[in-house]
C-alpha atoms as a PDB file:
ATOM      1  CA  MET A   1      36.777   2.601   6.817  1.00  0.00           C
ATOM      2  CA  LEU A   2      33.808   0.911   5.174  1.00  0.00           C
ATOM      3  CA  ARG A   3      30.453   1.828   6.669  1.00  0.00           C
ATOM      4  CA  VAL A   4      28.004  -0.901   7.659  1.00  0.00           C
ATOM      5  CA  PRO A   5      24.833  -0.761   5.514  1.00  0.00           C
ATOM      6  CA  VAL A   6      21.655  -0.349   7.563  1.00  0.00           C
ATOM      7  CA  THR A   7      18.189  -1.210   6.285  1.00  0.00           C
ATOM      8  CA  VAL A   8      15.357   0.620   8.045  1.00  0.00           C
ATOM      9  CA  LEU A   9      12.220  -1.513   7.926  1.00  0.00           C
ATOM     10  CA  THR A  10       9.161   0.602   8.644  1.00  0.00           C
ATOM     11  CA  GLY A  11       5.413   0.418   8.074  1.00  0.00           C
ATOM     12  CA  PHE A  12       2.190   0.908  10.008  1.00  0.00           C
ATOM     13  CA  LEU A  13       0.866  -1.402  12.710  1.00  0.00           C
ATOM     14  CA  GLY A  14       0.401  -4.987  11.532  1.00  0.00           C
ATOM     15  CA  ALA A  15       1.708  -4.388   8.014  1.00  0.00           C
ATOM     16  CA  GLY A  16       3.944  -7.464   8.076  1.00  0.00           C
ATOM     17  CA  LYS A  17       7.389  -6.101   8.967  1.00  0.00           C
ATOM     18  CA  THR A  18       8.329  -8.946  11.318  1.00  0.00           C
ATOM     19  CA  THR A  19       7.213 -11.595   8.823  1.00  0.00           C
ATOM     20  CA  LEU A  20       9.410 -10.029   6.153  1.00  0.00           C
ATOM     21  CA  LEU A  21      12.346  -9.748   8.560  1.00  0.00           C
ATOM     22  CA  ARG A  22      12.054 -13.390   9.610  1.00  0.00           C
ATOM     23  CA  SER A  23      12.108 -14.388   5.956  1.00  0.00           C
ATOM     24  CA  LEU A  24      15.204 -12.272   5.333  1.00  0.00           C
ATOM     25  CA  LEU A  25      17.109 -13.865   8.216  1.00  0.00           C
ATOM     26  CA  THR A  26      16.391 -17.404   7.044  1.00  0.00           C
ATOM     27  CA  GLN A  27      17.935 -16.485   3.666  1.00  0.00           C
ATOM     28  CA  ALA A  28      21.048 -14.785   5.047  1.00  0.00           C
ATOM     29  CA  ASP A  29      23.373 -16.947   2.896  1.00  0.00           C
ATOM     30  CA  GLY A  30      26.395 -16.461   5.118  1.00  0.00           C
ATOM     31  CA  ARG A  31      25.872 -12.777   5.883  1.00  0.00           C
ATOM     32  CA  ARG A  32      26.206 -11.696   9.496  1.00  0.00           C
ATOM     33  CA  ILE A  33      23.211  -9.468  10.180  1.00  0.00           C
ATOM     34  CA  ALA A  34      22.359  -7.685  13.418  1.00  0.00           C
ATOM     35  CA  VAL A  35      18.763  -6.728  14.164  1.00  0.00           C
ATOM     36  CA  VAL A  36      17.214  -3.960  16.246  1.00  0.00           C
ATOM     37  CA  VAL A  37      13.515  -4.492  16.950  1.00  0.00           C
ATOM     38  CA  ASN A  38      11.564  -1.545  18.343  1.00  0.00           C
ATOM     39  CA  GLU A  39       8.234  -1.945  20.178  1.00  0.00           C
ATOM     40  CA  PHE A  40       5.778   0.817  21.074  1.00  0.00           C
ATOM     41  CA  GLY A  41       4.330  -1.046  24.050  1.00  0.00           C
ATOM     42  CA  ASP A  42       5.886  -1.913  27.403  1.00  0.00           C
ATOM     43  CA  ALA A  43       6.150  -5.632  26.573  1.00  0.00           C
ATOM     44  CA  GLY A  44       8.329  -7.067  23.835  1.00  0.00           C
ATOM     45  CA  PHE A  45       6.895  -9.547  21.348  1.00  0.00           C
ATOM     46  CA  ASP A  46       8.430  -9.221  17.889  1.00  0.00           C
ATOM     47  CA  GLY A  47      11.979  -9.671  19.195  1.00  0.00           C
ATOM     48  CA  GLY A  48      11.161 -13.201  20.307  1.00  0.00           C
ATOM     49  CA  LEU A  49       9.680 -14.044  16.913  1.00  0.00           C
ATOM     50  CA  VAL A  50      12.830 -12.757  15.208  1.00  0.00           C
ATOM     51  CA  GLU A  51      15.185 -14.707  17.463  1.00  0.00           C
ATOM     52  CA  GLU A  52      13.395 -17.943  16.572  1.00  0.00           C
ATOM     53  CA  CYS A  53      14.743 -17.775  13.022  1.00  0.00           C
ATOM     54  CA  ALA A  54      17.924 -15.728  13.447  1.00  0.00           C
ATOM     55  CA  ALA A  55      20.402 -18.580  13.978  1.00  0.00           C
ATOM     56  CA  ASN A  56      21.667 -18.504  10.374  1.00  0.00           C
ATOM     57  CA  ALA A  57      22.364 -14.773  10.392  1.00  0.00           C
ATOM     58  CA  CYS A  58      22.840 -13.457  13.921  1.00  0.00           C
ATOM     59  CA  ALA A  59      25.425 -14.165  16.591  1.00  0.00           C
ATOM     60  CA  PRO A  60      24.348 -14.218  20.252  1.00  0.00           C
ATOM     61  CA  GLY A  61      23.468 -10.691  21.330  1.00  0.00           C
ATOM     62  CA  ASP A  62      22.971  -9.418  17.794  1.00  0.00           C
ATOM     63  CA  VAL A  63      19.171  -9.281  18.113  1.00  0.00           C
ATOM     64  CA  ILE A  64      18.320  -6.314  20.337  1.00  0.00           C
ATOM     65  CA  GLU A  65      14.785  -5.392  21.368  1.00  0.00           C
ATOM     66  CA  LEU A  66      13.936  -1.837  22.431  1.00  0.00           C
ATOM     67  CA  THR A  67      10.552  -1.536  24.146  1.00  0.00           C
ATOM     68  CA  ASN A  68       8.375   1.158  25.695  1.00  0.00           C
ATOM     69  CA  GLY A  69       8.466   3.849  23.060  1.00  0.00           C
ATOM     70  CA  CYS A  70       9.196   4.543  19.419  1.00  0.00           C
ATOM     71  CA  ILE A  71      12.870   4.610  18.564  1.00  0.00           C
ATOM     72  CA  CYS A  72      12.407   7.928  16.773  1.00  0.00           C
ATOM     73  CA  CYS A  73      11.667   9.555  20.151  1.00  0.00           C
ATOM     74  CA  THR A  74      14.533   7.923  22.041  1.00  0.00           C
ATOM     75  CA  VAL A  75      17.457   8.469  19.680  1.00  0.00           C
ATOM     76  CA  ALA A  76      19.936   9.673  22.292  1.00  0.00           C
ATOM     77  CA  ASP A  77      18.867   7.263  25.042  1.00  0.00           C
ATOM     78  CA  ASP A  78      18.322   4.076  23.037  1.00  0.00           C
ATOM     79  CA  PHE A  79      19.355   4.238  19.388  1.00  0.00           C
ATOM     80  CA  ILE A  80      22.846   5.735  19.626  1.00  0.00           C
ATOM     81  CA  PRO A  81      24.029   3.420  22.464  1.00  0.00           C
ATOM     82  CA  THR A  82      22.586   0.412  20.618  1.00  0.00           C
ATOM     83  CA  MET A  83      24.359   1.350  17.385  1.00  0.00           C
ATOM     84  CA  GLU A  84      27.632   1.906  19.226  1.00  0.00           C
ATOM     85  CA  LEU A  85      27.292  -1.551  20.766  1.00  0.00           C
ATOM     86  CA  LEU A  86      26.665  -3.244  17.407  1.00  0.00           C
ATOM     87  CA  LEU A  87      29.278  -1.277  15.492  1.00  0.00           C
ATOM     88  CA  GLY A  88      31.848  -2.091  18.171  1.00  0.00           C
ATOM     89  CA  ARG A  89      31.610  -5.861  17.656  1.00  0.00           C
ATOM     90  CA  ASP A  90      35.005  -7.604  17.257  1.00  0.00           C
ATOM     91  CA  LYS A  91      33.810  -9.279  14.066  1.00  0.00           C
ATOM     92  CA  PRO A  92      32.408  -6.667  11.652  1.00  0.00           C
ATOM     93  CA  LEU A  93      28.775  -6.949  10.640  1.00  0.00           C
ATOM     94  CA  ASP A  94      27.702  -7.334   7.029  1.00  0.00           C
ATOM     95  CA  ALA A  95      24.434  -5.481   7.616  1.00  0.00           C
ATOM     96  CA  ILE A  96      22.067  -4.145  10.272  1.00  0.00           C
ATOM     97  CA  VAL A  97      18.273  -4.199   9.994  1.00  0.00           C
ATOM     98  CA  ILE A  98      16.198  -1.877  12.171  1.00  0.00           C
ATOM     99  CA  GLU A  99      12.535  -2.825  12.454  1.00  0.00           C
ATOM    100  CA  THR A 100      10.769   0.266  13.742  1.00  0.00           C
ATOM    101  CA  SER A 101       7.559   0.378  15.710  1.00  0.00           C
ATOM    102  CA  GLY A 102       4.478   0.649  13.527  1.00  0.00           C
ATOM    103  CA  LEU A 103       3.964   4.165  14.914  1.00  0.00           C
ATOM    104  CA  ALA A 104       7.526   5.381  14.339  1.00  0.00           C
ATOM    105  CA  LEU A 105       8.462   8.239  12.040  1.00  0.00           C
ATOM    106  CA  PRO A 106      11.549   7.237  10.010  1.00  0.00           C
ATOM    107  CA  GLN A 107      12.834  10.799   9.535  1.00  0.00           C
ATOM    108  CA  PRO A 108      14.257  11.411  13.056  1.00  0.00           C
ATOM    109  CA  LEU A 109      15.931   8.009  12.935  1.00  0.00           C
ATOM    110  CA  LEU A 110      17.639   8.826   9.653  1.00  0.00           C
ATOM    111  CA  LYS A 111      18.846  12.160  11.026  1.00  0.00           C
ATOM    112  CA  ALA A 112      20.572  10.274  13.842  1.00  0.00           C
ATOM    113  CA  PHE A 113      22.976   8.804  11.306  1.00  0.00           C
ATOM    114  CA  ALA A 114      24.632  12.244  11.226  1.00  0.00           C
ATOM    115  CA  TRP A 115      25.686  11.832  14.873  1.00  0.00           C
ATOM    116  CA  PRO A 116      29.509  11.573  15.198  1.00  0.00           C
ATOM    117  CA  ALA A 117      29.276   8.150  16.882  1.00  0.00           C
ATOM    118  CA  VAL A 118      27.525   6.707  13.822  1.00  0.00           C
ATOM    119  CA  LYS A 119      28.277   8.891  10.790  1.00  0.00           C
ATOM    120  CA  THR A 120      31.610   7.370   9.795  1.00  0.00           C
ATOM    121  CA  ARG A 121      30.674   3.813  10.693  1.00  0.00           C
ATOM    122  CA  ALA A 122      27.186   3.208   9.246  1.00  0.00           C
ATOM    123  CA  THR A 123      24.956   4.401   6.420  1.00  0.00           C
ATOM    124  CA  VAL A 124      21.279   3.903   5.613  1.00  0.00           C
ATOM    125  CA  ASP A 125      21.339   1.462   2.711  1.00  0.00           C
ATOM    126  CA  GLY A 126      17.617   1.977   2.229  1.00  0.00           C
ATOM    127  CA  VAL A 127      14.260   2.578   3.877  1.00  0.00           C
ATOM    128  CA  VAL A 128      11.814  -0.253   3.179  1.00  0.00           C
ATOM    129  CA  THR A 129       8.218   0.724   3.913  1.00  0.00           C
ATOM    130  CA  VAL A 130       5.833  -2.209   4.258  1.00  0.00           C
ATOM    131  CA  VAL A 131       2.263  -1.363   3.244  1.00  0.00           C
ATOM    132  CA  ASP A 132      -0.665  -3.602   4.151  1.00  0.00           C
ATOM    133  CA  ALA A 133      -2.607  -4.151   0.928  1.00  0.00           C
ATOM    134  CA  LEU A 134      -5.555  -5.653   2.794  1.00  0.00           C
ATOM    135  CA  ALA A 135      -5.796  -2.684   5.178  1.00  0.00           C
ATOM    136  CA  LEU A 136      -5.766  -0.269   2.249  1.00  0.00           C
ATOM    137  CA  SER A 137      -8.411  -2.238   0.374  1.00  0.00           C
ATOM    138  CA  GLU A 138     -10.656  -2.171   3.464  1.00  0.00           C
ATOM    139  CA  GLY A 139     -10.129   1.561   4.022  1.00  0.00           C
ATOM    140  CA  TRP A 140      -8.456   1.122   7.404  1.00  0.00           C
ATOM    141  CA  VAL A 141      -5.775   3.503   6.190  1.00  0.00           C
ATOM    142  CA  THR A 142      -6.266   5.522   3.045  1.00  0.00           C
ATOM    143  CA  LEU A 143      -4.416   7.150   0.191  1.00  0.00           C
ATOM    144  CA  ASP A 144      -7.507   8.957  -1.091  1.00  0.00           C
ATOM    145  CA  GLU A 145      -6.949  12.534   0.079  1.00  0.00           C
ATOM    146  CA  ASP A 146     -10.078  13.799  -1.698  1.00  0.00           C
ATOM    147  CA  ALA A 147     -12.249  11.270   0.128  1.00  0.00           C
ATOM    148  CA  VAL A 148     -10.696  12.210   3.464  1.00  0.00           C
ATOM    149  CA  ALA A 149     -11.255  15.910   2.750  1.00  0.00           C
ATOM    150  CA  ASP A 150     -14.908  15.253   1.857  1.00  0.00           C
ATOM    151  CA  GLN A 151     -15.427  13.259   5.082  1.00  0.00           C
ATOM    152  CA  ARG A 152     -13.944  16.022   7.200  1.00  0.00           C
ATOM    153  CA  ALA A 153     -15.997  18.689   5.462  1.00  0.00           C
ATOM    154  CA  ALA A 154     -19.179  16.722   6.100  1.00  0.00           C
ATOM    155  CA  ASP A 155     -18.426  15.858   9.726  1.00  0.00           C
ATOM    156  CA  ASP A 156     -16.813  18.395  12.054  1.00  0.00           C
ATOM    157  CA  SER A 157     -16.090  15.640  14.596  1.00  0.00           C
ATOM    158  CA  ILE A 158     -13.506  14.039  12.318  1.00  0.00           C
ATOM    159  CA  ASP A 159      -9.995  15.011  13.389  1.00  0.00           C
ATOM    160  CA  HIS A 160      -8.493  17.344  10.799  1.00  0.00           C
ATOM    161  CA  ASP A 161      -5.039  16.015  11.671  1.00  0.00           C
ATOM    162  CA  ASP A 162      -5.609  12.276  11.579  1.00  0.00           C
ATOM    163  CA  PRO A 163      -2.652  10.763  13.492  1.00  0.00           C
ATOM    164  CA  ILE A 164      -2.906   7.450  11.639  1.00  0.00           C
ATOM    165  CA  GLU A 165      -2.735   9.112   8.248  1.00  0.00           C
ATOM    166  CA  GLU A 166       0.180  11.325   9.303  1.00  0.00           C
ATOM    167  CA  VAL A 167       2.295   8.388  10.475  1.00  0.00           C
ATOM    168  CA  PHE A 168       1.426   6.354   7.373  1.00  0.00           C
ATOM    169  CA  GLU A 169       2.220   9.217   5.000  1.00  0.00           C
ATOM    170  CA  ASP A 170       5.514  10.037   6.733  1.00  0.00           C
ATOM    171  CA  GLN A 171       6.552   6.399   6.362  1.00  0.00           C
ATOM    172  CA  LEU A 172       5.759   6.593   2.652  1.00  0.00           C
ATOM    173  CA  ALA A 173       7.615   9.890   2.244  1.00  0.00           C
ATOM    174  CA  CYS A 174      10.804   8.264   3.525  1.00  0.00           C
ATOM    175  CA  ALA A 175      10.646   5.090   1.423  1.00  0.00           C
ATOM    176  CA  ASP A 176      13.287   3.884  -1.021  1.00  0.00           C
ATOM    177  CA  LEU A 177      11.234   0.751  -1.625  1.00  0.00           C
ATOM    178  CA  VAL A 178       7.598  -0.060  -0.850  1.00  0.00           C
ATOM    179  CA  VAL A 179       6.660  -3.675  -0.135  1.00  0.00           C
ATOM    180  CA  LEU A 180       2.968  -4.294  -0.695  1.00  0.00           C
ATOM    181  CA  SER A 181       2.277  -7.071   1.817  1.00  0.00           C
ATOM    182  CA  LYS A 182      -0.646  -9.523   1.977  1.00  0.00           C
ATOM    183  CA  SER A 183      -1.050  -9.074  -1.761  1.00  0.00           C
ATOM    184  CA  ASP A 184      -2.485 -12.582  -2.028  1.00  0.00           C
ATOM    185  CA  LEU A 185      -5.496 -11.469   0.026  1.00  0.00           C
ATOM    186  CA  VAL A 186      -6.534  -8.693  -2.370  1.00  0.00           C
ATOM    187  CA  SER A 187      -7.912  -8.946  -5.894  1.00  0.00           C
ATOM    188  CA  SER A 188      -5.686  -8.063  -8.834  1.00  0.00           C
ATOM    189  CA  VAL A 189      -7.968  -5.137  -9.709  1.00  0.00           C
ATOM    190  CA  ALA A 190      -7.728  -3.717  -6.178  1.00  0.00           C
ATOM    191  CA  LEU A 191      -3.952  -4.225  -6.147  1.00  0.00           C
ATOM    192  CA  ALA A 192      -3.537  -2.324  -9.390  1.00  0.00           C
ATOM    193  CA  ASP A 193      -5.613   0.546  -8.003  1.00  0.00           C
ATOM    194  CA  ILE A 194      -3.572   0.608  -4.779  1.00  0.00           C
ATOM    195  CA  GLU A 195      -0.313   0.692  -6.734  1.00  0.00           C
ATOM    196  CA  THR A 196      -1.557   3.579  -8.878  1.00  0.00           C
ATOM    197  CA  ARG A 197      -2.438   5.586  -5.768  1.00  0.00           C
ATOM    198  CA  LEU A 198       0.831   4.694  -4.072  1.00  0.00           C
ATOM    199  CA  LYS A 199       2.882   5.861  -7.057  1.00  0.00           C
ATOM    200  CA  ALA A 200       1.139   9.228  -6.908  1.00  0.00           C
ATOM    201  CA  ALA A 201       2.173   9.599  -3.256  1.00  0.00           C
ATOM    202  CA  LEU A 202       5.781   8.389  -3.571  1.00  0.00           C
ATOM    203  CA  ARG A 203       8.932  10.167  -4.669  1.00  0.00           C
ATOM    204  CA  PRO A 204       9.945   9.522  -8.295  1.00  0.00           C
ATOM    205  CA  GLY A 205      11.960   6.346  -8.693  1.00  0.00           C
ATOM    206  CA  VAL A 206      10.622   4.529  -5.622  1.00  0.00           C
ATOM    207  CA  ASN A 207       9.703   0.995  -6.654  1.00  0.00           C
ATOM    208  CA  ILE A 208       6.775  -1.089  -5.398  1.00  0.00           C
ATOM    209  CA  VAL A 209       7.021  -4.863  -5.035  1.00  0.00           C
ATOM    210  CA  ARG A 210       4.259  -7.260  -4.055  1.00  0.00           C
ATOM    211  CA  SER A 211       4.829  -9.787  -1.287  1.00  0.00           C
ATOM    212  CA  THR A 212       3.034 -12.643   0.413  1.00  0.00           C
ATOM    213  CA  GLY A 213       5.548 -12.627   3.267  1.00  0.00           C
ATOM    214  CA  THR A 214       8.876 -13.440   1.657  1.00  0.00           C
ATOM    215  CA  LEU A 215      11.290 -11.631  -0.666  1.00  0.00           C
ATOM    216  CA  ALA A 216      14.836 -12.370  -1.825  1.00  0.00           C
ATOM    217  CA  PRO A 217      17.490 -10.605   0.311  1.00  0.00           C
ATOM    218  CA  ALA A 218      18.813  -8.839  -2.781  1.00  0.00           C
ATOM    219  CA  VAL A 219      15.524  -6.951  -3.022  1.00  0.00           C
ATOM    220  CA  LEU A 220      15.822  -5.561   0.505  1.00  0.00           C
ATOM    221  CA  ILE A 221      19.585  -5.140   0.940  1.00  0.00           C
ATOM    222  CA  GLY A 222      21.975  -3.416  -1.459  1.00  0.00           C
ATOM    223  CA  MET A 223      20.060  -0.288  -2.501  1.00  0.00           C
ATOM    224  CA  ASN A 224      22.998   1.984  -1.584  1.00  0.00           C
ATOM    225  CA  ALA A 225      20.570   4.846  -1.038  1.00  0.00           C
ATOM    226  CA  GLY A 226      22.582   6.812   1.537  1.00  0.00           C
ATOM    227  CA  ALA A 227      19.185   7.963   2.755  1.00  0.00           C
ATOM    228  CA  GLU A 228      20.581  10.125   5.565  1.00  0.00           C
ATOM    229  CA  GLU A 229      22.129  12.399   2.922  1.00  0.00           C
ATOM    230  CA  ASP A 230      18.774  13.071   1.250  1.00  0.00           C
ATOM    231  CA  MET A 231      16.560  14.290   4.079  1.00  0.00           C
ATOM    232  CA  ALA A 232      15.077  17.267   2.239  1.00  0.00           C
ATOM    233  CA  ALA A 233      13.266  14.938  -0.173  1.00  0.00           C
ATOM    234  CA  ARG A 234      11.883  12.844   2.693  1.00  0.00           C
ATOM    235  CA  ALA A 235      10.406  15.563   4.920  1.00  0.00           C
ATOM    236  CA  GLY A 236       6.856  14.279   5.279  1.00  0.00           C
ATOM    237  CA  HIS A 237       4.384  16.082   7.542  1.00  0.00           C
ATOM    238  CA  HIS A 238       6.885  17.003  10.219  1.00  0.00           C
ATOM    239  CA  GLY A 239       9.489  18.575   7.965  1.00  0.00           C
ATOM    240  CA  GLU A 240      12.600  19.558   9.844  1.00  0.00           C
ATOM    241  CA  GLU A 241      10.962  19.474  13.272  1.00  0.00           C
ATOM    242  CA  GLU A 242      13.216  17.905  15.874  1.00  0.00           C
ATOM    243  CA  GLU A 243      10.538  17.685  18.568  1.00  0.00           C
ATOM    244  CA  HIS A 244       7.663  15.272  18.134  1.00  0.00           C
ATOM    245  CA  ASP A 245       5.715  12.829  20.229  1.00  0.00           C
ATOM    246  CA  HIS A 246       3.159  10.076  20.012  1.00  0.00           C
ATOM    247  CA  ASP A 247       0.574  11.523  22.368  1.00  0.00           C
ATOM    248  CA  ASP A 248      -2.188  10.430  19.987  1.00  0.00           C
ATOM    249  CA  PHE A 249      -1.531   6.756  20.755  1.00  0.00           C
ATOM    250  CA  ASP A 250      -1.387   4.540  23.819  1.00  0.00           C
ATOM    251  CA  SER A 251      -0.832   0.889  24.742  1.00  0.00           C
ATOM    252  CA  ILE A 252      -1.619  -1.520  27.556  1.00  0.00           C
ATOM    253  CA  VAL A 253      -0.505  -5.047  28.417  1.00  0.00           C
ATOM    254  CA  VAL A 254      -3.159  -7.609  29.365  1.00  0.00           C
ATOM    255  CA  LYS A 255      -2.748 -11.144  30.715  1.00  0.00           C
ATOM    256  CA  PRO A 256      -5.574 -13.029  28.985  1.00  0.00           C
ATOM    257  CA  SER A 257      -7.384 -15.822  30.759  1.00  0.00           C
ATOM    258  CA  ILE A 258      -7.140 -19.320  29.308  1.00  0.00           C
ATOM    259  CA  ALA A 259      -9.713 -19.938  26.580  1.00  0.00           C
ATOM    260  CA  LEU A 260     -11.626 -23.193  26.180  1.00  0.00           C
ATOM    261  CA  SER A 261     -10.946 -23.271  22.431  1.00  0.00           C
ATOM    262  CA  VAL A 262      -9.205 -21.447  19.608  1.00  0.00           C
ATOM    263  CA  ASP A 263     -12.592 -20.181  18.432  1.00  0.00           C
ATOM    264  CA  GLU A 264     -13.274 -18.688  21.854  1.00  0.00           C
ATOM    265  CA  MET A 265      -9.901 -16.952  21.859  1.00  0.00           C
ATOM    266  CA  ARG A 266     -10.529 -15.633  18.345  1.00  0.00           C
ATOM    267  CA  ALA A 267     -13.886 -14.240  19.453  1.00  0.00           C
ATOM    268  CA  ARG A 268     -12.285 -12.479  22.420  1.00  0.00           C
ATOM    269  CA  ILE A 269      -9.588 -10.902  20.270  1.00  0.00           C
ATOM    270  CA  SER A 270     -12.200  -9.806  17.725  1.00  0.00           C
ATOM    271  CA  ASP A 271     -14.300  -8.228  20.481  1.00  0.00           C
ATOM    272  CA  ALA A 272     -11.300  -6.275  21.778  1.00  0.00           C
ATOM    273  CA  LEU A 273     -10.266  -5.230  18.286  1.00  0.00           C
ATOM    274  CA  GLY A 274     -13.796  -4.026  17.572  1.00  0.00           C
ATOM    275  CA  LEU A 275     -13.760  -1.535  20.444  1.00  0.00           C
ATOM    276  CA  GLU A 276     -13.490   2.109  19.476  1.00  0.00           C
ATOM    277  CA  GLY A 277      -9.915   3.282  19.086  1.00  0.00           C
ATOM    278  CA  VAL A 278      -8.251  -0.144  19.308  1.00  0.00           C
ATOM    279  CA  LEU A 279      -5.801  -0.664  16.433  1.00  0.00           C
ATOM    280  CA  ARG A 280      -3.650  -3.700  17.183  1.00  0.00           C
ATOM    281  CA  VAL A 281      -3.518  -6.774  19.435  1.00  0.00           C
ATOM    282  CA  LYS A 282      -0.493  -9.070  19.520  1.00  0.00           C
ATOM    283  CA  GLY A 283       1.232 -11.446  21.902  1.00  0.00           C
ATOM    284  CA  HIS A 284       0.780 -14.893  23.409  1.00  0.00           C
ATOM    285  CA  ALA A 285      -2.244 -16.570  24.974  1.00  0.00           C
ATOM    286  CA  ARG A 286      -3.260 -20.041  26.124  1.00  0.00           C
ATOM    287  CA  VAL A 287      -5.971 -22.477  25.099  1.00  0.00           C
ATOM    288  CA  SER A 288      -7.121 -25.155  27.537  1.00  0.00           C
ATOM    289  CA  ASP A 289      -5.475 -28.590  27.149  1.00  0.00           C
ATOM    290  CA  LYS A 290      -2.938 -27.286  24.593  1.00  0.00           C
ATOM    291  CA  VAL A 291       0.767 -27.503  25.414  1.00  0.00           C
ATOM    292  CA  ALA A 292       1.873 -24.835  22.927  1.00  0.00           C
ATOM    293  CA  PRO A 293       1.003 -21.160  23.360  1.00  0.00           C
ATOM    294  CA  VAL A 294      -1.134 -19.336  20.811  1.00  0.00           C
ATOM    295  CA  VAL A 295       0.651 -16.591  18.891  1.00  0.00           C
ATOM    296  CA  VAL A 296      -1.810 -13.732  18.381  1.00  0.00           C
ATOM    297  CA  GLN A 297      -1.520 -11.270  15.493  1.00  0.00           C
ATOM    298  CA  ALA A 298      -4.546  -9.034  14.993  1.00  0.00           C
ATOM    299  CA  VAL A 299      -5.059  -5.794  13.123  1.00  0.00           C
ATOM    300  CA  GLY A 300      -8.002  -4.148  11.369  1.00  0.00           C
ATOM    301  CA  SER A 301     -10.589  -6.868  10.784  1.00  0.00           C
ATOM    302  CA  ARG A 302      -8.065  -9.704  10.663  1.00  0.00           C
ATOM    303  CA  VAL A 303      -7.237 -12.045  13.559  1.00  0.00           C
ATOM    304  CA  ASP A 304      -4.483 -14.616  12.982  1.00  0.00           C
ATOM    305  CA  LEU A 305      -3.923 -17.317  15.598  1.00  0.00           C
ATOM    306  CA  VAL A 306      -1.256 -20.007  15.266  1.00  0.00           C
ATOM    307  CA  PHE A 307       0.283 -22.360  17.800  1.00  0.00           C
ATOM    308  CA  GLY A 308       3.889 -21.647  18.717  1.00  0.00           C
ATOM    309  CA  ARG A 309       6.561 -24.124  19.729  1.00  0.00           C
ATOM    310  CA  PRO A 310       5.484 -26.526  22.507  1.00  0.00           C
ATOM    311  CA  ASP A 311       8.634 -25.688  24.490  1.00  0.00           C
ATOM    312  CA  ALA A 312       8.092 -21.933  24.219  1.00  0.00           C
ATOM    313  CA  LYS A 313       8.531 -20.041  27.487  1.00  0.00           C
ATOM    314  CA  GLN A 314       6.752 -16.841  26.511  1.00  0.00           C
ATOM    315  CA  ALA A 315       4.602 -15.186  29.118  1.00  0.00           C
ATOM    316  CA  GLU A 316       0.877 -15.127  28.445  1.00  0.00           C
ATOM    317  CA  ARG A 317       0.307 -11.476  27.690  1.00  0.00           C
ATOM    318  CA  LEU A 318      -1.176  -9.384  24.919  1.00  0.00           C
ATOM    319  CA  VAL A 319      -0.070  -5.940  23.865  1.00  0.00           C
ATOM    320  CA  VAL A 320      -2.991  -3.731  22.834  1.00  0.00           C
ATOM    321  CA  ILE A 321      -2.234  -0.527  20.913  1.00  0.00           C
ATOM    322  CA  GLY A 322      -4.794   2.128  20.085  1.00  0.00           C
ATOM    323  CA  LEU A 323      -5.660   5.767  19.856  1.00  0.00           C
ATOM    324  CA  LYS A 324      -5.223   7.802  23.020  1.00  0.00           C
ATOM    325  CA  GLY A 325      -8.180   7.331  25.346  1.00  0.00           C
ATOM    326  CA  PHE A 326      -9.322   3.909  24.130  1.00  0.00           C
ATOM    327  CA  ASP A 327     -11.248   2.020  26.810  1.00  0.00           C
ATOM    328  CA  GLY A 328      -8.649  -0.165  28.526  1.00  0.00           C
ATOM    329  CA  THR A 329     -11.211  -1.492  30.998  1.00  0.00           C
ATOM    330  CA  ALA A 330     -13.421  -2.759  28.179  1.00  0.00           C
ATOM    331  CA  VAL A 331     -10.380  -4.321  26.483  1.00  0.00           C
ATOM    332  CA  ARG A 332      -9.446  -6.187  29.663  1.00  0.00           C
ATOM    333  CA  ARG A 333     -13.042  -7.313  30.070  1.00  0.00           C
ATOM    334  CA  ALA A 334     -13.021  -8.748  26.549  1.00  0.00           C
ATOM    335  CA  LEU A 335      -9.701 -10.559  26.944  1.00  0.00           C
ATOM    336  CA  VAL A 336      -9.882 -11.762  30.534  1.00  0.00           C
ATOM    337  CA  GLU A 337     -13.502 -12.607  31.241  1.00  0.00           C
END
C-alpha cells in the first residue's frame, strides 16, 4: 500500500508558515491535500486563514485545527487520532501538510510516524523549516553562538539555556529544506550573511530558498526524505528524550476594545509587543465604523494589520504568546484600554 506523503511545516513564531501554506493550497493543481494546523494558544486563528483559501485543495473536514498546546506534546491524544481520521478517508489523499506551532519541536512529531497506526500508511516527505530573515537581521533570534556566549559570560542574568534559541535550533536540526521568508525586507548583503550562517548550522545537503510568501508546490512537496527513518541525524538539543514540555512559554487570549482608527490599533499592538517577554500577537480586532475585521499579525518589531472579508464572522480576540511570566495584566491594559 502506498504511503501518503506528509510535509511538516515548522518554524518559529511569526516566521510566515501560514502565508506559505495558503500559497501552496491555492496552487494545488488538482491535488487533494489535507491540512493539520497546530496552535499553542487556547484560541485558534491560523486554521481560519487556511480555510479561506483551501477550496481548490481540501474537501470539507480536511482542514483540522488543534489548539491549546504544541502537537509535539500531545502525540497520543491529538496527533495519532487526527492522522487516523485523515488516513481513513474514503478517497485517498495526495498529501498532508502539518503546520506546527511556532514553539513546537519537530523531532517528537517525526517519531510518531513509527506508531503502528501511521507507519504503514504515511511517511514524512520532508520537513520544511521557515526562517524569518527579518527577525534574524534584527537579532530577535540569532545564529551567532559566539555572540551569545559572550553575552552570557558578561551578564549572569542571561539564561544559559535560552528557550527561544533551543526551539529555533531544534527546528533547524530537523530541516530538509529551509525557506528564508520575508527576504524582500532584508538587504542582499544581510541575506547573504544569514545564508552563510544558516549553512554552518544545517546538515549537509539541506537547501535554502528565499521567499516573499509564495513558492511553487514542487519546491515544498516531493522531497521523498523519509525523515522518520533518519532521526539520529536530526537530534537537536533534546536528543532522544521522549519527555519534554514548554514550561518556558505561556499564552493568553484578550478581547480588544474597538479602536477609533487603524493607527490607534497599531499603537496598541506595538505597546503590547514592546512589553518584556511578549513574543507574538495575532488574531482579529475591530476598528470603529469599519465593517470588516482587522487581521492582526505581529512579531518582533513588525505589526501587520489588514482588513479581512466584510462577511467574516471571526470573534474579536487576540492571542498573545510570550515567555513564562510575562505581564498579562499589562498586555490587557494595552489592548483593551
